Amino acid sequence: MRVGTQFSGTVAAGATKKWFTHSWPPDWHVVWTVVPTTAAAGAPQIDWDVEVQRASPTAITYWITVRNLSAADVSIEARYEVMN
């Protein structure tokens, strides 16, 4: 199994930010998780969504949108796990 952090970044308070990562093999089953690295108690900090594009016969592009639900900037990591 392959696991790792694909990218990290910061999403401003109340903002939404989109990243993309390209050239993934189409036969891989990739699961994405976005995790806040800024600590905060009391409520969820982020929500995320993953969209998929078949960029070519041999490449997949993932578009990862992260929405900051809090009133403070949040640093995040986008982590992947290849299931096959």
C-alpha atoms as a PDB file:
ATOM      1  CA  MET A   1       0.000   0.000   0.000  1.00  0.00           C
ATOM      2  CA  ARG A   2       1.233   3.489  -0.852  1.00  0.00           C
ATOM      3  CA  VAL A   3       0.479   6.359   1.554  1.00  0.00           C
ATOM      4  CA  GLY A   4       1.772   9.893   1.834  1.00  0.00           C
ATOM      5  CA  THR A   5       1.146  13.604   1.944  1.00  0.00           C
ATOM      6  CA  GLN A   6       0.668  15.072  -1.527  1.00  0.00           C
ATOM      7  CA  PHE A   7       0.624  18.741  -0.500  1.00  0.00           C
ATOM      8  CA  SER A   8       0.098  21.140   2.380  1.00  0.00           C
ATOM      9  CA  GLY A   9      -1.275  24.660   2.459  1.00  0.00           C
ATOM     10  CA  THR A  10      -3.290  27.235   4.335  1.00  0.00           C
ATOM     11  CA  VAL A  11      -6.925  28.194   3.847  1.00  0.00           C
ATOM     12  CA  ALA A  12      -7.927  31.636   5.090  1.00  0.00           C
ATOM     13  CA  ALA A  13     -10.765  32.036   7.590  1.00  0.00           C
ATOM     14  CA  GLY A  14     -14.109  31.383   5.907  1.00  0.00           C
ATOM     15  CA  ALA A  15     -12.468  30.854   2.504  1.00  0.00           C
ATOM     16  CA  THR A  16     -12.434  28.012  -0.021  1.00  0.00           C
ATOM     17  CA  LYS A  17      -9.310  26.945  -1.889  1.00  0.00           C
ATOM     18  CA  LYS A  18      -8.836  24.406  -4.709  1.00  0.00           C
ATOM     19  CA  TRP A  19      -5.711  22.400  -5.545  1.00  0.00           C
ATOM     20  CA  PHE A  20      -5.054  19.812  -8.224  1.00  0.00           C
ATOM     21  CA  THR A  21      -2.673  16.899  -8.510  1.00  0.00           C
ATOM     22  CA  HIS A  22      -2.135  15.232 -11.875  1.00  0.00           C
ATOM     23  CA  SER A  23      -0.711  12.242 -13.736  1.00  0.00           C
ATOM     24  CA  TRP A  24      -1.995   9.530 -11.409  1.00  0.00           C
ATOM     25  CA  PRO A  25      -2.286   6.064 -13.006  1.00  0.00           C
ATOM     26  CA  PRO A  26      -5.910   5.306 -13.894  1.00  0.00           C
ATOM     27  CA  ASP A  27      -5.738   1.774 -12.492  1.00  0.00           C
ATOM     28  CA  TRP A  28      -4.947   3.016  -8.966  1.00  0.00           C
ATOM     29  CA  HIS A  29      -7.804   3.389  -6.481  1.00  0.00           C
ATOM     30  CA  VAL A  30      -6.766   6.527  -4.554  1.00  0.00           C
ATOM     31  CA  VAL A  31      -8.503   7.695  -1.368  1.00  0.00           C
ATOM     32  CA  TRP A  32      -7.963  11.317  -0.312  1.00  0.00           C
ATOM     33  CA  THR A  33      -8.143  12.729   3.208  1.00  0.00           C
ATOM     34  CA  VAL A  34      -7.591  16.369   4.168  1.00  0.00           C
ATOM     35  CA  VAL A  35      -6.466  16.952   7.749  1.00  0.00           C
ATOM     36  CA  PRO A  36      -6.094  20.252   9.627  1.00  0.00           C
ATOM     37  CA  THR A  37      -2.632  20.717  11.141  1.00  0.00           C
ATOM     38  CA  THR A  38      -3.696  23.839  13.058  1.00  0.00           C
ATOM     39  CA  ALA A  39      -5.137  22.859  16.436  1.00  0.00           C
ATOM     40  CA  ALA A  40      -8.540  24.202  17.499  1.00  0.00           C
ATOM     41  CA  ALA A  41     -11.092  22.877  19.969  1.00  0.00           C
ATOM     42  CA  GLY A  42     -14.846  22.861  19.825  1.00  0.00           C
ATOM     43  CA  ALA A  43     -15.976  22.470  16.218  1.00  0.00           C
ATOM     44  CA  PRO A  44     -15.054  21.134  12.774  1.00  0.00           C
ATOM     45  CA  GLN A  45     -12.483  23.301  10.979  1.00  0.00           C
ATOM     46  CA  ILE A  46     -12.708  22.143   7.368  1.00  0.00           C
ATOM     47  CA  ASP A  47     -14.800  20.359   4.794  1.00  0.00           C
ATOM     48  CA  TRP A  48     -13.328  18.949   1.575  1.00  0.00           C
ATOM     49  CA  ASP A  49     -14.449  17.530  -1.732  1.00  0.00           C
ATOM     50  CA  VAL A  50     -12.585  15.563  -4.392  1.00  0.00           C
ATOM     51  CA  GLU A  51     -13.427  15.733  -8.098  1.00  0.00           C
ATOM     52  CA  VAL A  52     -11.830  13.495 -10.716  1.00  0.00           C
ATOM     53  CA  GLN A  53     -10.813  14.180 -14.305  1.00  0.00           C
ATOM     54  CA  ARG A  54      -9.623  11.589 -16.820  1.00  0.00           C
ATOM     55  CA  ALA A  55      -6.992  13.898 -18.317  1.00  0.00           C
ATOM     56  CA  SER A  56      -5.764  11.331 -20.856  1.00  0.00           C
ATOM     57  CA  PRO A  57      -6.033   7.583 -21.451  1.00  0.00           C
ATOM     58  CA  THR A  58      -3.095   7.115 -19.058  1.00  0.00           C
ATOM     59  CA  ALA A  59      -3.574   9.853 -16.439  1.00  0.00           C
ATOM     60  CA  ILE A  60      -6.049  10.949 -13.775  1.00  0.00           C
ATOM     61  CA  THR A  61      -6.185  14.446 -12.264  1.00  0.00           C
ATOM     62  CA  TYR A  62      -7.709  14.975  -8.826  1.00  0.00           C
ATOM     63  CA  TRP A  63      -9.178  18.379  -7.912  1.00  0.00           C
ATOM     64  CA  ILE A  64      -9.333  18.857  -4.137  1.00  0.00           C
ATOM     65  CA  THR A  65     -11.447  21.697  -2.747  1.00  0.00           C
ATOM     66  CA  VAL A  66     -11.039  22.647   0.919  1.00  0.00           C
ATOM     67  CA  ARG A  67     -13.494  24.929   2.694  1.00  0.00           C
ATOM     68  CA  ASN A  68     -12.488  26.552   5.976  1.00  0.00           C
ATOM     69  CA  LEU A  69     -15.474  26.430   8.341  1.00  0.00           C
ATOM     70  CA  SER A  70     -13.785  28.440  11.074  1.00  0.00           C
ATOM     71  CA  ALA A  71     -13.061  32.087  11.841  1.00  0.00           C
ATOM     72  CA  ALA A  72      -9.276  31.533  11.779  1.00  0.00           C
ATOM     73  CA  ASP A  73      -6.758  30.524   9.102  1.00  0.00           C
ATOM     74  CA  VAL A  74      -6.225  26.735   8.984  1.00  0.00           C
ATOM     75  CA  SER A  75      -3.166  24.866   7.750  1.00  0.00           C
ATOM     76  CA  ILE A  76      -3.930  21.522   6.105  1.00  0.00           C
ATOM     77  CA  GLU A  77      -2.317  18.410   4.672  1.00  0.00           C
ATOM     78  CA  ALA A  78      -3.812  16.495   1.749  1.00  0.00           C
ATOM     79  CA  ARG A  79      -3.027  12.841   2.292  1.00  0.00           C
ATOM     80  CA  TYR A  80      -3.500   9.938  -0.106  1.00  0.00           C
ATOM     81  CA  GLU A  81      -3.717   6.185   0.169  1.00  0.00           C
ATOM     82  CA  VAL A  82      -3.514   3.897  -2.861  1.00  0.00           C
ATOM     83  CA  MET A  83      -5.787   0.981  -2.049  1.00  0.00           C
ATOM     84  CA  ASN A  84      -4.602  -1.487  -4.697  1.00  0.00           C
END
